[in-house]
Amino acid sequence: MLFADRGYDHDKYRRLLRQRGIRPAIAERGQPHGTGLGTFRWIVERTISWLHGFRRLRIRWERRDDIHEAFLGLAVCLITHRHVQRLC
């Protein structure tokens, strides 16, 4: 399933997704809010915000993908560790 906002509300996008076997969950223009799509979007935006808290990830300086991916992994470990500490 693919969640998308109203900017992608077009039959062309829905058709392309279905051809690839992906079920679209796209908000429709002109319809009132309340589809619940914002719940998932907020989680993604919050996670990106946490990752941008690490200066090295805010702007990608590394040319090698493996090094950048290693920094991403370290950032996720640190974020998870901080949240687990709050629970204990």
PDB file of N, CA and C in Angstrom:
ATOM      1  N   MET A   1       0.848  -1.170   0.000  1.00  0.00           N
ATOM      2  CA  MET A   1       0.000   0.000   0.000  1.00  0.00           C
ATOM      3  C   MET A   1       0.896   1.236   0.000  1.00  0.00           C
ATOM      4  N   LEU A   2       0.518   2.237  -0.785  1.00  0.00           N
ATOM      5  CA  LEU A   2       1.264   3.483  -0.857  1.00  0.00           C
ATOM      6  C   LEU A   2       0.353   4.618  -0.399  1.00  0.00           C
ATOM      7  N   PHE A   3       0.788   5.366   0.598  1.00  0.00           N
ATOM      8  CA  PHE A   3       0.049   6.517   1.083  1.00  0.00           C
ATOM      9  C   PHE A   3       0.570   7.772   0.400  1.00  0.00           C
ATOM     10  N   ALA A   4      -0.343   8.639  -0.034  1.00  0.00           N
ATOM     11  CA  ALA A   4       0.061   9.873  -0.705  1.00  0.00           C
ATOM     12  C   ALA A   4      -0.934  10.977  -0.381  1.00  0.00           C
ATOM     13  N   ASP A   5      -0.485  12.236  -0.519  1.00  0.00           N
ATOM     14  CA  ASP A   5      -1.371  13.357  -0.236  1.00  0.00           C
ATOM     15  C   ASP A   5      -2.129  13.778  -1.497  1.00  0.00           C
ATOM     16  N   ARG A   6      -2.888  14.840  -1.382  1.00  0.00           N
ATOM     17  CA  ARG A   6      -3.769  15.284  -2.462  1.00  0.00           C
ATOM     18  C   ARG A   6      -3.040  15.728  -3.724  1.00  0.00           C
ATOM     19  N   GLY A   7      -1.779  16.040  -3.624  1.00  0.00           N
ATOM     20  CA  GLY A   7      -1.018  16.453  -4.790  1.00  0.00           C
ATOM     21  C   GLY A   7      -0.888  15.347  -5.832  1.00  0.00           C
ATOM     22  N   TYR A   8      -1.107  14.101  -5.432  1.00  0.00           N
ATOM     23  CA  TYR A   8      -0.991  12.965  -6.347  1.00  0.00           C
ATOM     24  C   TYR A   8      -2.356  12.408  -6.729  1.00  0.00           C
ATOM     25  N   ASP A   9      -3.417  13.179  -6.502  1.00  0.00           N
ATOM     26  CA  ASP A   9      -4.773  12.726  -6.804  1.00  0.00           C
ATOM     27  C   ASP A   9      -5.023  12.834  -8.309  1.00  0.00           C
ATOM     28  N   HIS A  10      -4.704  11.772  -9.020  1.00  0.00           N
ATOM     29  CA  HIS A  10      -4.933  11.716 -10.459  1.00  0.00           C
ATOM     30  C   HIS A  10      -5.062  10.248 -10.851  1.00  0.00           C
ATOM     31  N   ASP A  11      -5.958   9.972 -11.767  1.00  0.00           N
ATOM     32  CA  ASP A  11      -6.174   8.589 -12.199  1.00  0.00           C
ATOM     33  C   ASP A  11      -4.921   7.960 -12.789  1.00  0.00           C
ATOM     34  N   LYS A  12      -4.083   8.777 -13.422  1.00  0.00           N
ATOM     35  CA  LYS A  12      -2.853   8.266 -14.030  1.00  0.00           C
ATOM     36  C   LYS A  12      -1.966   7.613 -12.974  1.00  0.00           C
ATOM     37  N   TYR A  13      -1.812   8.265 -11.816  1.00  0.00           N
ATOM     38  CA  TYR A  13      -0.961   7.724 -10.756  1.00  0.00           C
ATOM     39  C   TYR A  13      -1.569   6.458 -10.147  1.00  0.00           C
ATOM     40  N   ARG A  14      -2.869   6.479  -9.958  1.00  0.00           N
ATOM     41  CA  ARG A  14      -3.530   5.292  -9.409  1.00  0.00           C
ATOM     42  C   ARG A  14      -3.373   4.101 -10.362  1.00  0.00           C
ATOM     43  N   ARG A  15      -3.546   4.349 -11.641  1.00  0.00           N
ATOM     44  CA  ARG A  15      -3.434   3.289 -12.643  1.00  0.00           C
ATOM     45  C   ARG A  15      -2.011   2.715 -12.675  1.00  0.00           C
ATOM     46  N   LEU A  16      -0.990   3.596 -12.644  1.00  0.00           N
ATOM     47  CA  LEU A  16       0.402   3.130 -12.658  1.00  0.00           C
ATOM     48  C   LEU A  16       0.719   2.277 -11.428  1.00  0.00           C
ATOM     49  N   LEU A  17       0.200   2.684 -10.284  1.00  0.00           N
ATOM     50  CA  LEU A  17       0.445   1.908  -9.065  1.00  0.00           C
ATOM     51  C   LEU A  17      -0.221   0.539  -9.146  1.00  0.00           C
ATOM     52  N   ARG A  18      -1.457   0.509  -9.612  1.00  0.00           N
ATOM     53  CA  ARG A  18      -2.163  -0.776  -9.701  1.00  0.00           C
ATOM     54  C   ARG A  18      -1.488  -1.719 -10.691  1.00  0.00           C
ATOM     55  N   GLN A  19      -0.921  -1.182 -11.767  1.00  0.00           N
ATOM     56  CA  GLN A  19      -0.201  -2.011 -12.735  1.00  0.00           C
ATOM     57  C   GLN A  19       1.003  -2.683 -12.094  1.00  0.00           C
ATOM     58  N   ARG A  20       1.578  -2.040 -11.100  1.00  0.00           N
ATOM     59  CA  ARG A  20       2.742  -2.601 -10.405  1.00  0.00           C
ATOM     60  C   ARG A  20       2.340  -3.439  -9.187  1.00  0.00           C
ATOM     61  N   GLY A  21       1.048  -3.600  -8.988  1.00  0.00           N
ATOM     62  CA  GLY A  21       0.570  -4.412  -7.871  1.00  0.00           C
ATOM     63  C   GLY A  21       0.572  -3.691  -6.541  1.00  0.00           C
ATOM     64  N   ILE A  22       0.574  -2.356  -6.580  1.00  0.00           N
ATOM     65  CA  ILE A  22       0.585  -1.550  -5.359  1.00  0.00           C
ATOM     66  C   ILE A  22      -0.794  -0.942  -5.174  1.00  0.00           C
ATOM     67  N   ARG A  23      -1.345  -1.085  -3.981  1.00  0.00           N
ATOM     68  CA  ARG A  23      -2.664  -0.520  -3.707  1.00  0.00           C
ATOM     69  C   ARG A  23      -2.500   0.934  -3.271  1.00  0.00           C
ATOM     70  N   PRO A  24      -3.083   1.891  -4.022  1.00  0.00           N
ATOM     71  CA  PRO A  24      -2.918   3.302  -3.662  1.00  0.00           C
ATOM     72  C   PRO A  24      -3.894   3.734  -2.563  1.00  0.00           C
ATOM     73  N   ALA A  25      -3.407   4.565  -1.664  1.00  0.00           N
ATOM     74  CA  ALA A  25      -4.241   5.221  -0.649  1.00  0.00           C
ATOM     75  C   ALA A  25      -3.952   6.709  -0.772  1.00  0.00           C
ATOM     76  N   ILE A  26      -4.574   7.321  -1.771  1.00  0.00           N
ATOM     77  CA  ILE A  26      -4.308   8.715  -2.106  1.00  0.00           C
ATOM     78  C   ILE A  26      -5.505   9.559  -1.693  1.00  0.00           C
ATOM     79  N   ALA A  27      -5.257  10.611  -0.925  1.00  0.00           N
ATOM     80  CA  ALA A  27      -6.327  11.517  -0.513  1.00  0.00           C
ATOM     81  C   ALA A  27      -6.899  12.204  -1.744  1.00  0.00           C
ATOM     82  N   GLU A  28      -8.204  12.426  -1.735  1.00  0.00           N
ATOM     83  CA  GLU A  28      -8.869  13.034  -2.891  1.00  0.00           C
ATOM     84  C   GLU A  28      -9.050  14.524  -2.677  1.00  0.00           C
ATOM     85  N   ARG A  29      -8.864  15.273  -3.754  1.00  0.00           N
ATOM     86  CA  ARG A  29      -9.060  16.725  -3.697  1.00  0.00           C
ATOM     87  C   ARG A  29     -10.535  17.037  -3.518  1.00  0.00           C
ATOM     88  N   GLY A  30     -10.799  18.085  -2.772  1.00  0.00           N
ATOM     89  CA  GLY A  30     -12.174  18.526  -2.574  1.00  0.00           C
ATOM     90  C   GLY A  30     -12.930  17.752  -1.517  1.00  0.00           C
ATOM     91  N   GLN A  31     -12.330  16.729  -0.967  1.00  0.00           N
ATOM     92  CA  GLN A  31     -12.971  15.941   0.086  1.00  0.00           C
ATOM     93  C   GLN A  31     -12.466  16.435   1.439  1.00  0.00           C
ATOM     94  N   PRO A  32     -13.310  16.379   2.450  1.00  0.00           N
ATOM     95  CA  PRO A  32     -12.854  16.817   3.775  1.00  0.00           C
ATOM     96  C   PRO A  32     -11.770  15.891   4.311  1.00  0.00           C
ATOM     97  N   HIS A  33     -10.953  16.436   5.202  1.00  0.00           N
ATOM     98  CA  HIS A  33      -9.898  15.648   5.831  1.00  0.00           C
ATOM     99  C   HIS A  33     -10.527  14.585   6.715  1.00  0.00           C
ATOM    100  N   GLY A  34      -9.732  13.676   7.147  1.00  0.00           N
ATOM    101  CA  GLY A  34     -10.234  12.636   8.033  1.00  0.00           C
ATOM    102  C   GLY A  34      -9.972  11.245   7.490  1.00  0.00           C
ATOM    103  N   THR A  35      -9.155  11.135   6.442  1.00  0.00           N
ATOM    104  CA  THR A  35      -8.847   9.821   5.893  1.00  0.00           C
ATOM    105  C   THR A  35      -7.858   9.068   6.757  1.00  0.00           C
ATOM    106  N   GLY A  36      -7.166   9.772   7.645  1.00  0.00           N
ATOM    107  CA  GLY A  36      -6.180   9.129   8.496  1.00  0.00           C
ATOM    108  C   GLY A  36      -4.793   9.087   7.883  1.00  0.00           C
ATOM    109  N   LEU A  37      -4.629   9.610   6.673  1.00  0.00           N
ATOM    110  CA  LEU A  37      -3.318   9.579   6.032  1.00  0.00           C
ATOM    111  C   LEU A  37      -2.312  10.448   6.775  1.00  0.00           C
ATOM    112  N   GLY A  38      -2.767  11.501   7.418  1.00  0.00           N
ATOM    113  CA  GLY A  38      -1.864  12.392   8.134  1.00  0.00           C
ATOM    114  C   GLY A  38      -1.142  11.710   9.280  1.00  0.00           C
ATOM    115  N   THR A  39      -1.738  10.682   9.831  1.00  0.00           N
ATOM    116  CA  THR A  39      -1.112   9.957  10.929  1.00  0.00           C
ATOM    117  C   THR A  39       0.198   9.336  10.472  1.00  0.00           C
ATOM    118  N   PHE A  40       0.203   8.708   9.335  1.00  0.00           N
ATOM    119  CA  PHE A  40       1.409   8.069   8.825  1.00  0.00           C
ATOM    120  C   PHE A  40       2.419   9.109   8.369  1.00  0.00           C
ATOM    121  N   ARG A  41       1.947  10.179   7.766  1.00  0.00           N
ATOM    122  CA  ARG A  41       2.856  11.206   7.256  1.00  0.00           C
ATOM    123  C   ARG A  41       3.601  11.870   8.418  1.00  0.00           C
ATOM    124  N   TRP A  42       2.913  12.111   9.534  1.00  0.00           N
ATOM    125  CA  TRP A  42       3.548  12.772  10.655  1.00  0.00           C
ATOM    126  C   TRP A  42       4.692  11.923  11.190  1.00  0.00           C
ATOM    127  N   ILE A  43       4.525  10.613  11.201  1.00  0.00           N
ATOM    128  CA  ILE A  43       5.575   9.724  11.686  1.00  0.00           C
ATOM    129  C   ILE A  43       6.812   9.844  10.802  1.00  0.00           C
ATOM    130  N   VAL A  44       6.613   9.886   9.501  1.00  0.00           N
ATOM    131  CA  VAL A  44       7.731   9.994   8.571  1.00  0.00           C
ATOM    132  C   VAL A  44       8.427  11.340   8.737  1.00  0.00           C
ATOM    133  N   GLU A  45       7.663  12.423   8.804  1.00  0.00           N
ATOM    134  CA  GLU A  45       8.255  13.754   8.943  1.00  0.00           C
ATOM    135  C   GLU A  45       9.001  13.894  10.265  1.00  0.00           C
ATOM    136  N   ARG A  46       8.471  13.299  11.321  1.00  0.00           N
ATOM    137  CA  ARG A  46       9.139  13.349  12.618  1.00  0.00           C
ATOM    138  C   ARG A  46      10.470  12.607  12.565  1.00  0.00           C
ATOM    139  N   THR A  47      10.488  11.457  11.926  1.00  0.00           N
ATOM    140  CA  THR A  47      11.716  10.674  11.827  1.00  0.00           C
ATOM    141  C   THR A  47      12.776  11.412  11.021  1.00  0.00           C
ATOM    142  N   ILE A  48      12.377  12.032   9.925  1.00  0.00           N
ATOM    143  CA  ILE A  48      13.326  12.817   9.124  1.00  0.00           C
ATOM    144  C   ILE A  48      13.863  13.983   9.944  1.00  0.00           C
ATOM    145  N   SER A  49      13.005  14.586  10.749  1.00  0.00           N
ATOM    146  CA  SER A  49      13.439  15.679  11.609  1.00  0.00           C
ATOM    147  C   SER A  49      14.479  15.201  12.618  1.00  0.00           C
ATOM    148  N   TRP A  50      14.267  14.034  13.204  1.00  0.00           N
ATOM    149  CA  TRP A  50      15.245  13.490  14.149  1.00  0.00           C
ATOM    150  C   TRP A  50      16.574  13.242  13.453  1.00  0.00           C
ATOM    151  N   LEU A  51      16.534  12.710  12.241  1.00  0.00           N
ATOM    152  CA  LEU A  51      17.773  12.449  11.511  1.00  0.00           C
ATOM    153  C   LEU A  51      18.493  13.740  11.157  1.00  0.00           C
ATOM    154  N   HIS A  52      17.747  14.810  10.900  1.00  0.00           N
ATOM    155  CA  HIS A  52      18.373  16.094  10.588  1.00  0.00           C
ATOM    156  C   HIS A  52      19.012  16.734  11.811  1.00  0.00           C
ATOM    157  N   GLY A  53      18.736  16.174  12.988  1.00  0.00           N
ATOM    158  CA  GLY A  53      19.394  16.638  14.200  1.00  0.00           C
ATOM    159  C   GLY A  53      20.881  16.312  14.196  1.00  0.00           C
ATOM    160  N   PHE A  54      21.278  15.409  13.346  1.00  0.00           N
ATOM    161  CA  PHE A  54      22.686  15.061  13.189  1.00  0.00           C
ATOM    162  C   PHE A  54      23.216  15.863  12.004  1.00  0.00           C
ATOM    163  N   ARG A  55      24.096  16.816  12.283  1.00  0.00           N
ATOM    164  CA  ARG A  55      24.560  17.742  11.236  1.00  0.00           C
ATOM    165  C   ARG A  55      25.136  17.029  10.019  1.00  0.00           C
ATOM    166  N   ARG A  56      25.791  15.942  10.264  1.00  0.00           N
ATOM    167  CA  ARG A  56      26.454  15.237   9.159  1.00  0.00           C
ATOM    168  C   ARG A  56      25.429  14.657   8.183  1.00  0.00           C
ATOM    169  N   LEU A  57      24.212  14.411   8.649  1.00  0.00           N
ATOM    170  CA  LEU A  57      23.171  13.855   7.788  1.00  0.00           C
ATOM    171  C   LEU A  57      22.294  14.933   7.169  1.00  0.00           C
ATOM    172  N   ARG A  58      22.314  16.125   7.736  1.00  0.00           N
ATOM    173  CA  ARG A  58      21.476  17.207   7.208  1.00  0.00           C
ATOM    174  C   ARG A  58      21.848  17.531   5.769  1.00  0.00           C
ATOM    175  N   ILE A  59      23.137  17.626   5.521  1.00  0.00           N
ATOM    176  CA  ILE A  59      23.655  17.807   4.161  1.00  0.00           C
ATOM    177  C   ILE A  59      24.617  16.650   3.912  1.00  0.00           C
ATOM    178  N   ARG A  60      24.431  15.986   2.818  1.00  0.00           N
ATOM    179  CA  ARG A  60      25.266  14.816   2.546  1.00  0.00           C
ATOM    180  C   ARG A  60      26.617  15.257   2.006  1.00  0.00           C
ATOM    181  N   TRP A  61      27.652  15.009   2.811  1.00  0.00           N
ATOM    182  CA  TRP A  61      29.001  15.378   2.421  1.00  0.00           C
ATOM    183  C   TRP A  61      29.767  14.186   1.856  1.00  0.00           C
ATOM    184  N   GLU A  62      29.427  12.989   2.285  1.00  0.00           N
ATOM    185  CA  GLU A  62      30.154  11.805   1.842  1.00  0.00           C
ATOM    186  C   GLU A  62      29.803  11.472   0.399  1.00  0.00           C
ATOM    187  N   ARG A  63      30.813  11.130  -0.352  1.00  0.00           N
ATOM    188  CA  ARG A  63      30.574  10.726  -1.740  1.00  0.00           C
ATOM    189  C   ARG A  63      30.235   9.247  -1.835  1.00  0.00           C
ATOM    190  N   ARG A  64      30.753   8.479  -0.901  1.00  0.00           N
ATOM    191  CA  ARG A  64      30.515   7.035  -0.933  1.00  0.00           C
ATOM    192  C   ARG A  64      29.216   6.694  -0.220  1.00  0.00           C
ATOM    193  N   ASP A  65      28.415   5.856  -0.869  1.00  0.00           N
ATOM    194  CA  ASP A  65      27.126   5.458  -0.307  1.00  0.00           C
ATOM    195  C   ASP A  65      27.274   4.661   0.976  1.00  0.00           C
ATOM    196  N   ASP A  66      28.281   3.806   1.043  1.00  0.00           N
ATOM    197  CA  ASP A  66      28.428   2.954   2.216  1.00  0.00           C
ATOM    198  C   ASP A  66      28.736   3.765   3.476  1.00  0.00           C
ATOM    199  N   ILE A  67      29.511   4.828   3.336  1.00  0.00           N
ATOM    200  CA  ILE A  67      29.823   5.670   4.493  1.00  0.00           C
ATOM    201  C   ILE A  67      28.578   6.426   4.941  1.00  0.00           C
ATOM    202  N   HIS A  68      27.825   6.967   3.998  1.00  0.00           N
ATOM    203  CA  HIS A  68      26.596   7.687   4.346  1.00  0.00           C
ATOM    204  C   HIS A  68      25.596   6.748   5.024  1.00  0.00           C
ATOM    205  N   GLU A  69      25.489   5.534   4.492  1.00  0.00           N
ATOM    206  CA  GLU A  69      24.573   4.559   5.086  1.00  0.00           C
ATOM    207  C   GLU A  69      25.025   4.175   6.493  1.00  0.00           C
ATOM    208  N   ALA A  70      26.331   4.113   6.718  1.00  0.00           N
ATOM    209  CA  ALA A  70      26.848   3.814   8.057  1.00  0.00           C
ATOM    210  C   ALA A  70      26.474   4.924   9.041  1.00  0.00           C
ATOM    211  N   PHE A  71      26.589   6.180   8.618  1.00  0.00           N
ATOM    212  CA  PHE A  71      26.176   7.285   9.486  1.00  0.00           C
ATOM    213  C   PHE A  71      24.677   7.260   9.754  1.00  0.00           C
ATOM    214  N   LEU A  72      23.893   6.888   8.760  1.00  0.00           N
ATOM    215  CA  LEU A  72      22.450   6.746   8.977  1.00  0.00           C
ATOM    216  C   LEU A  72      22.167   5.672  10.026  1.00  0.00           C
ATOM    217  N   GLY A  73      22.870   4.543   9.921  1.00  0.00           N
ATOM    218  CA  GLY A  73      22.695   3.468  10.891  1.00  0.00           C
ATOM    219  C   GLY A  73      23.078   3.900  12.298  1.00  0.00           C
ATOM    220  N   LEU A  74      24.175   4.630  12.424  1.00  0.00           N
ATOM    221  CA  LEU A  74      24.578   5.140  13.738  1.00  0.00           C
ATOM    222  C   LEU A  74      23.545   6.099  14.303  1.00  0.00           C
ATOM    223  N   ALA A  75      23.008   6.972  13.460  1.00  0.00           N
ATOM    224  CA  ALA A  75      22.001   7.931  13.917  1.00  0.00           C
ATOM    225  C   ALA A  75      20.749   7.209  14.400  1.00  0.00           C
ATOM    226  N   VAL A  76      20.322   6.190  13.675  1.00  0.00           N
ATOM    227  CA  VAL A  76      19.136   5.434  14.088  1.00  0.00           C
ATOM    228  C   VAL A  76      19.394   4.722  15.409  1.00  0.00           C
ATOM    229  N   CYS A  77      20.588   4.171  15.576  1.00  0.00           N
ATOM    230  CA  CYS A  77      20.932   3.521  16.853  1.00  0.00           C
ATOM    231  C   CYS A  77      20.902   4.517  18.009  1.00  0.00           C
ATOM    232  N   LEU A  78      21.458   5.700  17.801  1.00  0.00           N
ATOM    233  CA  LEU A  78      21.459   6.717  18.860  1.00  0.00           C
ATOM    234  C   LEU A  78      20.048   7.193  19.187  1.00  0.00           C
ATOM    235  N   ILE A  79      19.230   7.398  18.175  1.00  0.00           N
ATOM    236  CA  ILE A  79      17.838   7.824  18.395  1.00  0.00           C
ATOM    237  C   ILE A  79      17.095   6.753  19.183  1.00  0.00           C
ATOM    238  N   THR A  80      17.265   5.492  18.792  1.00  0.00           N
ATOM    239  CA  THR A  80      16.592   4.399  19.488  1.00  0.00           C
ATOM    240  C   THR A  80      17.079   4.296  20.934  1.00  0.00           C
ATOM    241  N   HIS A  81      18.372   4.415  21.132  1.00  0.00           N
ATOM    242  CA  HIS A  81      18.937   4.354  22.493  1.00  0.00           C
ATOM    243  C   HIS A  81      18.356   5.457  23.384  1.00  0.00           C
ATOM    244  N   ARG A  82      18.254   6.653  22.865  1.00  0.00           N
ATOM    245  CA  ARG A  82      17.691   7.754  23.648  1.00  0.00           C
ATOM    246  C   ARG A  82      16.253   7.488  24.045  1.00  0.00           C
ATOM    247  N   HIS A  83      15.471   6.913  23.136  1.00  0.00           N
ATOM    248  CA  HIS A  83      14.075   6.654  23.455  1.00  0.00           C
ATOM    249  C   HIS A  83      13.913   5.488  24.437  1.00  0.00           C
ATOM    250  N   VAL A  84      14.784   4.499  24.334  1.00  0.00           N
ATOM    251  CA  VAL A  84      14.731   3.385  25.286  1.00  0.00           C
ATOM    252  C   VAL A  84      15.134   3.862  26.673  1.00  0.00           C
ATOM    253  N   GLN A  85      16.111   4.771  26.756  1.00  0.00           N
ATOM    254  CA  GLN A  85      16.517   5.301  28.055  1.00  0.00           C
ATOM    255  C   GLN A  85      15.375   6.037  28.739  1.00  0.00           C
ATOM    256  N   ARG A  86      14.562   6.732  27.974  1.00  0.00           N
ATOM    257  CA  ARG A  86      13.426   7.457  28.561  1.00  0.00           C
ATOM    258  C   ARG A  86      12.388   6.499  29.130  1.00  0.00           C
ATOM    259  N   LEU A  87      12.293   5.312  28.542  1.00  0.00           N
ATOM    260  CA  LEU A  87      11.304   4.331  29.021  1.00  0.00           C
ATOM    261  C   LEU A  87      11.761   3.649  30.302  1.00  0.00           C
ATOM    262  N   CYS A  88      13.065   3.558  30.520  1.00  0.00           N
ATOM    263  CA  CYS A  88      13.591   2.836  31.701  1.00  0.00           C
ATOM    264  C   CYS A  88      13.624   3.726  32.923  1.00  0.00           C
TER     265      CYS A  88
END
